[in-house]
PDB file of N, CA and C in Angstrom:
ATOM      1  N   MET A   1      66.357  42.698 108.746  1.00  0.00           N
ATOM      2  CA  MET A   1      65.961  43.696 109.272  1.00  0.00           C
ATOM      3  C   MET A   1      63.903  43.268 109.056  1.00  0.00           C
ATOM      4  N   GLU A   2      63.348  43.375 110.191  1.00  0.00           N
ATOM      5  CA  GLU A   2      62.048  42.829 109.904  1.00  0.00           C
ATOM      6  C   GLU A   2      60.939  44.282 109.140  1.00  0.00           C
ATOM      7  N   THR A   3      60.032  43.744 108.337  1.00  0.00           N
ATOM      8  CA  THR A   3      58.659  44.857 108.298  1.00  0.00           C
ATOM      9  C   THR A   3      57.882  45.365 109.524  1.00  0.00           C
ATOM     10  N   THR A   4      57.329  46.365 109.337  1.00  0.00           N
ATOM     11  CA  THR A   4      56.395  46.417 110.424  1.00  0.00           C
ATOM     12  C   THR A   4      55.375  45.561 110.276  1.00  0.00           C
ATOM     13  N   ARG A   5      54.838  44.970 109.156  1.00  0.00           N
ATOM     14  CA  ARG A   5      54.455  43.827 109.350  1.00  0.00           C
ATOM     15  C   ARG A   5      54.280  42.227 109.759  1.00  0.00           C
ATOM     16  N   GLN A   6      55.858  42.045 109.606  1.00  0.00           N
ATOM     17  CA  GLN A   6      56.518  41.190 110.309  1.00  0.00           C
ATOM     18  C   GLN A   6      56.284  41.145 111.766  1.00  0.00           C
ATOM     19  N   ARG A   7      56.696  42.393 112.147  1.00  0.00           N
ATOM     20  CA  ARG A   7      56.859  42.919 113.330  1.00  0.00           C
ATOM     21  C   ARG A   7      55.450  41.860 113.985  1.00  0.00           C
ATOM     22  N   ILE A   8      54.679  42.786 113.909  1.00  0.00           N
ATOM     23  CA  ILE A   8      52.916  42.930 114.091  1.00  0.00           C
ATOM     24  C   ILE A   8      52.777  40.777 113.858  1.00  0.00           C
ATOM     25  N   ALA A   9      52.584  40.822 113.133  1.00  0.00           N
ATOM     26  CA  ALA A   9      52.685  38.901 112.896  1.00  0.00           C
ATOM     27  C   ALA A   9      53.536  38.293 113.829  1.00  0.00           C
ATOM     28  N   ASP A  10      54.677  38.725 114.168  1.00  0.00           N
ATOM     29  CA  ASP A  10      55.584  37.885 115.239  1.00  0.00           C
ATOM     30  C   ASP A  10      55.071  38.254 116.467  1.00  0.00           C
ATOM     31  N   ALA A  11      54.470  39.675 117.076  1.00  0.00           N
ATOM     32  CA  ALA A  11      53.465  39.857 118.220  1.00  0.00           C
ATOM     33  C   ALA A  11      52.247  39.134 118.356  1.00  0.00           C
ATOM     34  N   LEU A  12      51.508  39.045 117.072  1.00  0.00           N
ATOM     35  CA  LEU A  12      49.884  37.819 117.298  1.00  0.00           C
ATOM     36  C   LEU A  12      50.741  36.164 117.899  1.00  0.00           C
ATOM     37  N   ARG A  13      51.903  35.679 117.328  1.00  0.00           N
ATOM     38  CA  ARG A  13      51.989  34.666 117.250  1.00  0.00           C
ATOM     39  C   ARG A  13      52.219  34.088 118.303  1.00  0.00           C
ATOM     40  N   GLU A  14      52.814  35.601 119.661  1.00  0.00           N
ATOM     41  CA  GLU A  14      52.920  35.208 121.258  1.00  0.00           C
ATOM     42  C   GLU A  14      51.805  35.359 121.743  1.00  0.00           C
ATOM     43  N   GLU A  15      50.567  36.301 121.493  1.00  0.00           N
ATOM     44  CA  GLU A  15      49.428  35.981 122.383  1.00  0.00           C
ATOM     45  C   GLU A  15      48.840  36.960 121.444  1.00  0.00           C
ATOM     46  N   PRO A  16      47.320  37.061 122.195  1.00  0.00           N
ATOM     47  CA  PRO A  16      46.421  37.447 121.620  1.00  0.00           C
ATOM     48  C   PRO A  16      46.868  39.328 122.109  1.00  0.00           C
ATOM     49  N   ARG A  17      46.651  40.567 120.870  1.00  0.00           N
ATOM     50  CA  ARG A  17      46.529  41.780 121.164  1.00  0.00           C
ATOM     51  C   ARG A  17      45.441  42.579 120.309  1.00  0.00           C
ATOM     52  N   THR A  18      45.361  44.031 120.699  1.00  0.00           N
ATOM     53  CA  THR A  18      44.312  44.795 120.073  1.00  0.00           C
ATOM     54  C   THR A  18      45.384  45.500 119.208  1.00  0.00           C
ATOM     55  N   ALA A  19      44.660  46.423 118.972  1.00  0.00           N
ATOM     56  CA  ALA A  19      45.200  46.776 117.878  1.00  0.00           C
ATOM     57  C   ALA A  19      46.143  48.710 118.755  1.00  0.00           C
ATOM     58  N   SER A  20      45.368  48.839 119.723  1.00  0.00           N
ATOM     59  CA  SER A  20      46.050  49.702 120.685  1.00  0.00           C
ATOM     60  C   SER A  20      47.076  49.424 121.667  1.00  0.00           C
ATOM     61  N   ASP A  21      47.571  48.162 121.397  1.00  0.00           N
ATOM     62  CA  ASP A  21      48.602  47.228 122.309  1.00  0.00           C
ATOM     63  C   ASP A  21      49.743  47.198 120.950  1.00  0.00           C
ATOM     64  N   LEU A  22      49.370  46.905 119.892  1.00  0.00           N
ATOM     65  CA  LEU A  22      50.647  46.805 119.232  1.00  0.00           C
ATOM     66  C   LEU A  22      51.107  47.928 118.872  1.00  0.00           C
ATOM     67  N   ALA A  23      49.688  49.240 118.627  1.00  0.00           N
ATOM     68  CA  ALA A  23      50.316  50.976 118.277  1.00  0.00           C
ATOM     69  C   ALA A  23      51.432  51.424 119.512  1.00  0.00           C
ATOM     70  N   ALA A  24      50.836  51.038 120.724  1.00  0.00           N
ATOM     71  CA  ALA A  24      51.848  51.307 121.777  1.00  0.00           C
ATOM     72  C   ALA A  24      53.387  50.400 121.589  1.00  0.00           C
ATOM     73  N   THR A  25      53.184  49.235 121.360  1.00  0.00           N
ATOM     74  CA  THR A  25      54.286  48.562 121.697  1.00  0.00           C
ATOM     75  C   THR A  25      55.239  49.179 119.872  1.00  0.00           C
ATOM     76  N   LEU A  26      54.883  49.162 118.974  1.00  0.00           N
ATOM     77  CA  LEU A  26      55.861  49.508 117.934  1.00  0.00           C
ATOM     78  C   LEU A  26      55.688  50.938 117.599  1.00  0.00           C
ATOM     79  N   SER A  27      54.732  51.765 118.556  1.00  0.00           N
ATOM     80  CA  SER A  27      55.133  53.374 118.454  1.00  0.00           C
ATOM     81  C   SER A  27      54.524  53.549 117.005  1.00  0.00           C
ATOM     82  N   LEU A  28      53.129  53.058 116.850  1.00  0.00           N
ATOM     83  CA  LEU A  28      52.482  53.335 115.651  1.00  0.00           C
ATOM     84  C   LEU A  28      51.602  54.151 115.660  1.00  0.00           C
ATOM     85  N   PRO A  29      50.785  54.939 114.961  1.00  0.00           N
ATOM     86  CA  PRO A  29      49.061  55.268 115.068  1.00  0.00           C
ATOM     87  C   PRO A  29      48.469  54.051 115.156  1.00  0.00           C
ATOM     88  N   THR A  30      47.501  53.838 116.369  1.00  0.00           N
ATOM     89  CA  THR A  30      46.406  52.916 115.917  1.00  0.00           C
ATOM     90  C   THR A  30      45.792  52.940 114.568  1.00  0.00           C
ATOM     91  N   PRO A  31      45.051  53.724 113.598  1.00  0.00           N
ATOM     92  CA  PRO A  31      45.019  53.599 112.550  1.00  0.00           C
ATOM     93  C   PRO A  31      45.361  52.772 111.438  1.00  0.00           C
ATOM     94  N   ALA A  32      46.969  53.401 111.932  1.00  0.00           N
ATOM     95  CA  ALA A  32      47.981  52.676 110.964  1.00  0.00           C
ATOM     96  C   ALA A  32      47.915  51.149 110.821  1.00  0.00           C
ATOM     97  N   VAL A  33      47.705  50.905 112.659  1.00  0.00           N
ATOM     98  CA  VAL A  33      47.849  49.242 112.970  1.00  0.00           C
ATOM     99  C   VAL A  33      46.752  48.465 112.612  1.00  0.00           C
ATOM    100  N   TYR A  34      45.589  48.963 112.167  1.00  0.00           N
ATOM    101  CA  TYR A  34      44.172  48.286 111.258  1.00  0.00           C
ATOM    102  C   TYR A  34      44.992  48.156 110.055  1.00  0.00           C
ATOM    103  N   GLU A  35      45.360  48.786 109.051  1.00  0.00           N
ATOM    104  CA  GLU A  35      45.386  48.645 107.686  1.00  0.00           C
ATOM    105  C   GLU A  35      46.593  48.194 107.783  1.00  0.00           C
ATOM    106  N   HIS A  36      47.726  47.656 108.812  1.00  0.00           N
ATOM    107  CA  HIS A  36      48.957  46.056 108.624  1.00  0.00           C
ATOM    108  C   HIS A  36      47.874  45.015 108.828  1.00  0.00           C
ATOM    109  N   LEU A  37      47.259  45.364 109.901  1.00  0.00           N
ATOM    110  CA  LEU A  37      46.223  43.975 110.115  1.00  0.00           C
ATOM    111  C   LEU A  37      45.502  43.558 109.080  1.00  0.00           C
ATOM    112  N   GLU A  38      45.151  44.207 108.163  1.00  0.00           N
ATOM    113  CA  GLU A  38      44.069  43.444 106.718  1.00  0.00           C
ATOM    114  C   GLU A  38      44.853  42.638 106.015  1.00  0.00           C
ATOM    115  N   HIS A  39      46.418  43.079 105.944  1.00  0.00           N
ATOM    116  CA  HIS A  39      47.582  42.732 104.802  1.00  0.00           C
ATOM    117  C   HIS A  39      47.906  41.585 105.847  1.00  0.00           C
ATOM    118  N   VAL A  40      48.406  41.627 106.821  1.00  0.00           N
ATOM    119  CA  VAL A  40      48.613  40.374 107.811  1.00  0.00           C
ATOM    120  C   VAL A  40      47.683  39.058 108.004  1.00  0.00           C
ATOM    121  N   SER A  41      46.278  39.677 107.798  1.00  0.00           N
ATOM    122  CA  SER A  41      45.435  39.002 107.338  1.00  0.00           C
ATOM    123  C   SER A  41      45.294  37.896 106.549  1.00  0.00           C
ATOM    124  N   ARG A  42      45.812  38.421 105.425  1.00  0.00           N
ATOM    125  CA  ARG A  42      45.281  38.143 104.025  1.00  0.00           C
ATOM    126  C   ARG A  42      46.921  37.412 103.742  1.00  0.00           C
ATOM    127  N   SER A  43      47.960  37.950 104.054  1.00  0.00           N
ATOM    128  CA  SER A  43      48.984  36.904 104.230  1.00  0.00           C
ATOM    129  C   SER A  43      48.779  35.448 105.011  1.00  0.00           C
ATOM    130  N   VAL A  44      48.574  35.689 106.054  1.00  0.00           N
ATOM    131  CA  VAL A  44      48.207  34.352 106.693  1.00  0.00           C
ATOM    132  C   VAL A  44      47.370  33.521 105.888  1.00  0.00           C
ATOM    133  N   ALA A  45      46.338  34.109 105.320  1.00  0.00           N
ATOM    134  CA  ALA A  45      44.916  33.117 104.769  1.00  0.00           C
ATOM    135  C   ALA A  45      45.690  32.752 103.550  1.00  0.00           C
ATOM    136  N   ASP A  46      45.995  33.264 103.143  1.00  0.00           N
ATOM    137  CA  ASP A  46      46.886  33.013 101.253  1.00  0.00           C
ATOM    138  C   ASP A  46      48.053  31.685 102.005  1.00  0.00           C
ATOM    139  N   GLY A  47      48.624  31.637 103.149  1.00  0.00           N
ATOM    140  CA  GLY A  47      49.588  30.914 102.882  1.00  0.00           C
ATOM    141  C   GLY A  47      50.651  31.436 103.013  1.00  0.00           C
ATOM    142  N   ASP A  48      50.712  32.829 102.906  1.00  0.00           N
ATOM    143  CA  ASP A  48      52.371  33.680 102.081  1.00  0.00           C
ATOM    144  C   ASP A  48      53.410  33.122 102.904  1.00  0.00           C
ATOM    145  N   GLY A  49      54.586  32.199 102.428  1.00  0.00           N
ATOM    146  CA  GLY A  49      55.321  31.961 102.912  1.00  0.00           C
ATOM    147  C   GLY A  49      56.796  32.815 103.532  1.00  0.00           C
ATOM    148  N   SER A  50      56.220  34.010 102.697  1.00  0.00           N
ATOM    149  CA  SER A  50      57.398  35.181 103.815  1.00  0.00           C
ATOM    150  C   SER A  50      57.486  35.255 105.073  1.00  0.00           C
ATOM    151  N   ASP A  51      56.173  35.210 105.807  1.00  0.00           N
ATOM    152  CA  ASP A  51      56.701  35.298 107.023  1.00  0.00           C
ATOM    153  C   ASP A  51      57.063  33.896 108.212  1.00  0.00           C
ATOM    154  N   ALA A  52      57.607  33.952 109.106  1.00  0.00           N
ATOM    155  CA  ALA A  52      58.088  33.187 109.549  1.00  0.00           C
ATOM    156  C   ALA A  52      57.360  31.814 109.979  1.00  0.00           C
ATOM    157  N   GLY A  53      56.059  31.734 109.763  1.00  0.00           N
ATOM    158  CA  GLY A  53      55.161  30.935 110.257  1.00  0.00           C
ATOM    159  C   GLY A  53      55.000  30.062 109.045  1.00  0.00           C
ATOM    160  N   ASP A  54      53.943  28.765 109.302  1.00  0.00           N
ATOM    161  CA  ASP A  54      53.969  27.891 108.863  1.00  0.00           C
ATOM    162  C   ASP A  54      52.437  28.085 107.827  1.00  0.00           C
ATOM    163  N   ASP A  55      52.401  27.129 107.266  1.00  0.00           N
ATOM    164  CA  ASP A  55      50.837  27.216 105.972  1.00  0.00           C
ATOM    165  C   ASP A  55      49.565  26.760 106.617  1.00  0.00           C
ATOM    166  N   ASP A  56      49.820  26.322 107.774  1.00  0.00           N
ATOM    167  CA  ASP A  56      48.709  25.720 108.578  1.00  0.00           C
ATOM    168  C   ASP A  56      48.139  26.936 109.886  1.00  0.00           C
ATOM    169  N   GLU A  57      48.588  28.084 109.811  1.00  0.00           N
ATOM    170  CA  GLU A  57      47.981  29.203 110.823  1.00  0.00           C
ATOM    171  C   GLU A  57      46.603  29.830 110.372  1.00  0.00           C
ATOM    172  N   GLU A  58      46.342  30.143 111.171  1.00  0.00           N
ATOM    173  CA  GLU A  58      45.217  30.800 111.245  1.00  0.00           C
ATOM    174  C   GLU A  58      45.023  32.678 111.970  1.00  0.00           C
ATOM    175  N   PHE A  59      44.895  33.673 111.107  1.00  0.00           N
ATOM    176  CA  PHE A  59      44.639  35.475 111.712  1.00  0.00           C
ATOM    177  C   PHE A  59      42.869  35.102 112.642  1.00  0.00           C
ATOM    178  N   LEU A  60      43.024  35.127 114.191  1.00  0.00           N
ATOM    179  CA  LEU A  60      41.578  35.073 114.997  1.00  0.00           C
ATOM    180  C   LEU A  60      41.646  36.140 115.105  1.00  0.00           C
ATOM    181  N   VAL A  61      40.037  36.536 115.289  1.00  0.00           N
ATOM    182  CA  VAL A  61      39.756  37.858 115.432  1.00  0.00           C
ATOM    183  C   VAL A  61      38.574  37.828 116.747  1.00  0.00           C
ATOM    184  N   ALA A  62      39.269  37.803 117.487  1.00  0.00           N
ATOM    185  CA  ALA A  62      38.111  38.124 118.880  1.00  0.00           C
ATOM    186  C   ALA A  62      37.143  39.353 119.062  1.00  0.00           C
ATOM    187  N   PRO A  63      36.028  39.248 118.342  1.00  0.00           N
ATOM    188  CA  PRO A  63      35.431  40.806 117.519  1.00  0.00           C
ATOM    189  C   PRO A  63      34.971  41.690 119.111  1.00  0.00           C
ATOM    190  N   PRO A  64      34.889  43.147 118.407  1.00  0.00           N
ATOM    191  CA  PRO A  64      34.583  44.543 119.399  1.00  0.00           C
ATOM    192  C   PRO A  64      33.438  43.552 119.871  1.00  0.00           C
ATOM    193  N   THR A  65      32.848  43.940 121.308  1.00  0.00           N
ATOM    194  CA  THR A  65      32.373  43.624 122.257  1.00  0.00           C
ATOM    195  C   THR A  65      31.560  44.714 122.594  1.00  0.00           C
ATOM    196  N   CYS A  66      30.193  45.508 122.722  1.00  0.00           N
ATOM    197  CA  CYS A  66      29.320  46.427 123.395  1.00  0.00           C
ATOM    198  C   CYS A  66      29.265  46.235 124.938  1.00  0.00           C
ATOM    199  N   ARG A  67      29.913  47.202 125.823  1.00  0.00           N
ATOM    200  CA  ARG A  67      29.977  46.701 127.377  1.00  0.00           C
ATOM    201  C   ARG A  67      29.013  47.088 127.452  1.00  0.00           C
ATOM    202  N   ASP A  68      27.984  47.839 127.409  1.00  0.00           N
ATOM    203  CA  ASP A  68      26.462  48.058 127.580  1.00  0.00           C
ATOM    204  C   ASP A  68      25.814  46.703 127.072  1.00  0.00           C
ATOM    205  N   CYS A  69      25.785  46.459 125.698  1.00  0.00           N
ATOM    206  CA  CYS A  69      24.244  44.934 125.726  1.00  0.00           C
ATOM    207  C   CYS A  69      24.953  43.701 125.139  1.00  0.00           C
ATOM    208  N   GLY A  70      26.138  44.161 125.127  1.00  0.00           N
ATOM    209  CA  GLY A  70      26.928  42.851 125.149  1.00  0.00           C
ATOM    210  C   GLY A  70      26.991  42.571 123.051  1.00  0.00           C
ATOM    211  N   PHE A  71      26.406  43.328 122.643  1.00  0.00           N
ATOM    212  CA  PHE A  71      26.933  43.050 121.225  1.00  0.00           C
ATOM    213  C   PHE A  71      27.880  42.461 120.498  1.00  0.00           C
ATOM    214  N   ASP A  72      28.279  41.963 119.393  1.00  0.00           N
ATOM    215  CA  ASP A  72      29.422  41.078 119.052  1.00  0.00           C
ATOM    216  C   ASP A  72      29.769  40.672 117.829  1.00  0.00           C
ATOM    217  N   GLY A  73      28.200  41.154 116.874  1.00  0.00           N
ATOM    218  CA  GLY A  73      27.889  41.089 115.724  1.00  0.00           C
ATOM    219  C   GLY A  73      28.529  41.884 114.710  1.00  0.00           C
ATOM    220  N   PHE A  74      29.818  42.662 115.133  1.00  0.00           N
ATOM    221  CA  PHE A  74      30.137  44.207 114.107  1.00  0.00           C
ATOM    222  C   PHE A  74      30.388  43.356 112.590  1.00  0.00           C
ATOM    223  N   ASP A  75      29.856  44.256 111.649  1.00  0.00           N
ATOM    224  CA  ASP A  75      30.090  43.806 110.173  1.00  0.00           C
ATOM    225  C   ASP A  75      31.364  43.347 109.786  1.00  0.00           C
ATOM    226  N   ASP A  76      32.647  44.103 110.363  1.00  0.00           N
ATOM    227  CA  ASP A  76      33.722  44.336 110.216  1.00  0.00           C
ATOM    228  C   ASP A  76      34.952  44.018 111.412  1.00  0.00           C
ATOM    229  N   PRO A  77      34.680  42.806 111.893  1.00  0.00           N
ATOM    230  CA  PRO A  77      35.638  42.943 113.319  1.00  0.00           C
ATOM    231  C   PRO A  77      37.094  43.136 113.498  1.00  0.00           C
ATOM    232  N   VAL A  78      37.738  43.495 111.865  1.00  0.00           N
ATOM    233  CA  VAL A  78      39.340  44.070 111.375  1.00  0.00           C
ATOM    234  C   VAL A  78      39.280  45.362 111.500  1.00  0.00           C
ATOM    235  N   ASN A  79      38.128  46.218 112.630  1.00  0.00           N
ATOM    236  CA  ASN A  79      38.371  47.365 112.739  1.00  0.00           C
ATOM    237  C   ASN A  79      37.635  48.150 114.285  1.00  0.00           C
ATOM    238  N   GLU A  80      38.076  49.273 114.455  1.00  0.00           N
ATOM    239  CA  GLU A  80      36.859  49.496 115.953  1.00  0.00           C
ATOM    240  C   GLU A  80      35.889  50.726 115.508  1.00  0.00           C
ATOM    241  N   PRO A  81      34.726  49.534 115.767  1.00  0.00           N
ATOM    242  CA  PRO A  81      33.428  50.829 115.347  1.00  0.00           C
ATOM    243  C   PRO A  81      33.628  51.640 117.122  1.00  0.00           C
ATOM    244  N   SER A  82      32.887  52.470 115.896  1.00  0.00           N
ATOM    245  CA  SER A  82      32.566  53.876 117.357  1.00  0.00           C
ATOM    246  C   SER A  82      31.355  53.988 117.806  1.00  0.00           C
ATOM    247  N   ARG A  83      30.517  53.279 117.693  1.00  0.00           N
ATOM    248  CA  ARG A  83      29.625  52.720 118.500  1.00  0.00           C
ATOM    249  C   ARG A  83      28.477  51.458 117.890  1.00  0.00           C
ATOM    250  N   CYS A  84      28.279  51.089 119.323  1.00  0.00           N
ATOM    251  CA  CYS A  84      27.094  50.188 118.905  1.00  0.00           C
ATOM    252  C   CYS A  84      25.715  50.124 118.343  1.00  0.00           C
ATOM    253  N   PRO A  85      25.477  49.172 116.725  1.00  0.00           N
ATOM    254  CA  PRO A  85      24.558  49.184 116.016  1.00  0.00           C
ATOM    255  C   PRO A  85      23.085  49.047 116.666  1.00  0.00           C
ATOM    256  N   GLU A  86      23.458  48.252 117.680  1.00  0.00           N
ATOM    257  CA  GLU A  86      21.764  47.980 118.701  1.00  0.00           C
ATOM    258  C   GLU A  86      21.722  49.015 119.554  1.00  0.00           C
ATOM    259  N   CYS A  87      22.938  49.695 120.521  1.00  0.00           N
ATOM    260  CA  CYS A  87      22.591  50.230 121.746  1.00  0.00           C
ATOM    261  C   CYS A  87      22.832  51.684 121.547  1.00  0.00           C
ATOM    262  N   LYS A  88      23.801  51.903 120.390  1.00  0.00           N
ATOM    263  CA  LYS A  88      24.162  53.218 120.352  1.00  0.00           C
ATOM    264  C   LYS A  88      25.443  53.667 121.217  1.00  0.00           C
ATOM    265  N   SER A  89      25.213  52.539 122.061  1.00  0.00           N
ATOM    266  CA  SER A  89      26.851  53.155 123.009  1.00  0.00           C
ATOM    267  C   SER A  89      27.882  53.374 122.445  1.00  0.00           C
ATOM    268  N   GLU A  90      29.008  54.081 123.087  1.00  0.00           N
ATOM    269  CA  GLU A  90      30.159  54.422 122.598  1.00  0.00           C
ATOM    270  C   GLU A  90      31.634  53.180 123.720  1.00  0.00           C
ATOM    271  N   ARG A  91      30.449  52.712 124.160  1.00  0.00           N
ATOM    272  CA  ARG A  91      31.438  51.873 124.954  1.00  0.00           C
ATOM    273  C   ARG A  91      31.842  50.423 124.803  1.00  0.00           C
ATOM    274  N   ILE A  92      32.522  50.516 123.761  1.00  0.00           N
ATOM    275  CA  ILE A  92      32.921  49.316 122.859  1.00  0.00           C
ATOM    276  C   ILE A  92      34.670  48.487 122.807  1.00  0.00           C
ATOM    277  N   ASP A  93      34.765  47.418 123.547  1.00  0.00           N
ATOM    278  CA  ASP A  93      35.868  46.698 123.975  1.00  0.00           C
ATOM    279  C   ASP A  93      36.278  46.614 122.549  1.00  0.00           C
ATOM    280  N   GLU A  94      37.815  46.650 122.697  1.00  0.00           N
ATOM    281  CA  GLU A  94      38.154  47.106 120.699  1.00  0.00           C
ATOM    282  C   GLU A  94      38.452  45.571 120.603  1.00  0.00           C
ATOM    283  N   PRO A  95      38.774  44.867 119.513  1.00  0.00           N
ATOM    284  CA  PRO A  95      38.852  43.615 118.796  1.00  0.00           C
ATOM    285  C   PRO A  95      40.358  42.837 119.593  1.00  0.00           C
ATOM    286  N   ALA A  96      40.669  41.749 119.622  1.00  0.00           N
ATOM    287  CA  ALA A  96      41.944  41.317 119.965  1.00  0.00           C
ATOM    288  C   ALA A  96      42.090  40.011 118.827  1.00  0.00           C
ATOM    289  N   PHE A  97      43.671  40.455 118.211  1.00  0.00           N
ATOM    290  CA  PHE A  97      43.345  39.494 117.206  1.00  0.00           C
ATOM    291  C   PHE A  97      44.943  38.549 117.711  1.00  0.00           C
ATOM    292  N   VAL A  98      45.121  37.248 117.100  1.00  0.00           N
ATOM    293  CA  VAL A  98      46.034  36.546 117.405  1.00  0.00           C
ATOM    294  C   VAL A  98      46.068  35.640 116.236  1.00  0.00           C
ATOM    295  N   ILE A  99      47.330  35.018 116.111  1.00  0.00           N
ATOM    296  CA  ILE A  99      47.586  33.659 114.668  1.00  0.00           C
ATOM    297  C   ILE A  99      48.156  32.701 115.357  1.00  0.00           C
ATOM    298  N   ARG A 100      47.465  32.071 115.054  1.00  0.00           N
ATOM    299  CA  ARG A 100      47.763  29.966 115.525  1.00  0.00           C
ATOM    300  C   ARG A 100      47.941  29.353 114.799  1.00  0.00           C
TER     301      ARG A 100
END
């Protein structure tokens, strides 16, 4: 039986996903998915052999982007910001994650 983090990692090996996508697929609250993503990213970076992937994998993040001004330099890309630090807009596209 796979753990939640293994299921998230497997989904990210298939295609890029947002935390909301993963939450809907795995029936989890979105904040919990972000917590799991932090651990998955560290496991991939450490080359942890406990997942089905190989040691050459990378955890990649397409950063959140402001739909109004295009800002994408958020401090923590593995998080969903509530507003843009540049224009203060709340129209932010979620970050997307993938393991390649």
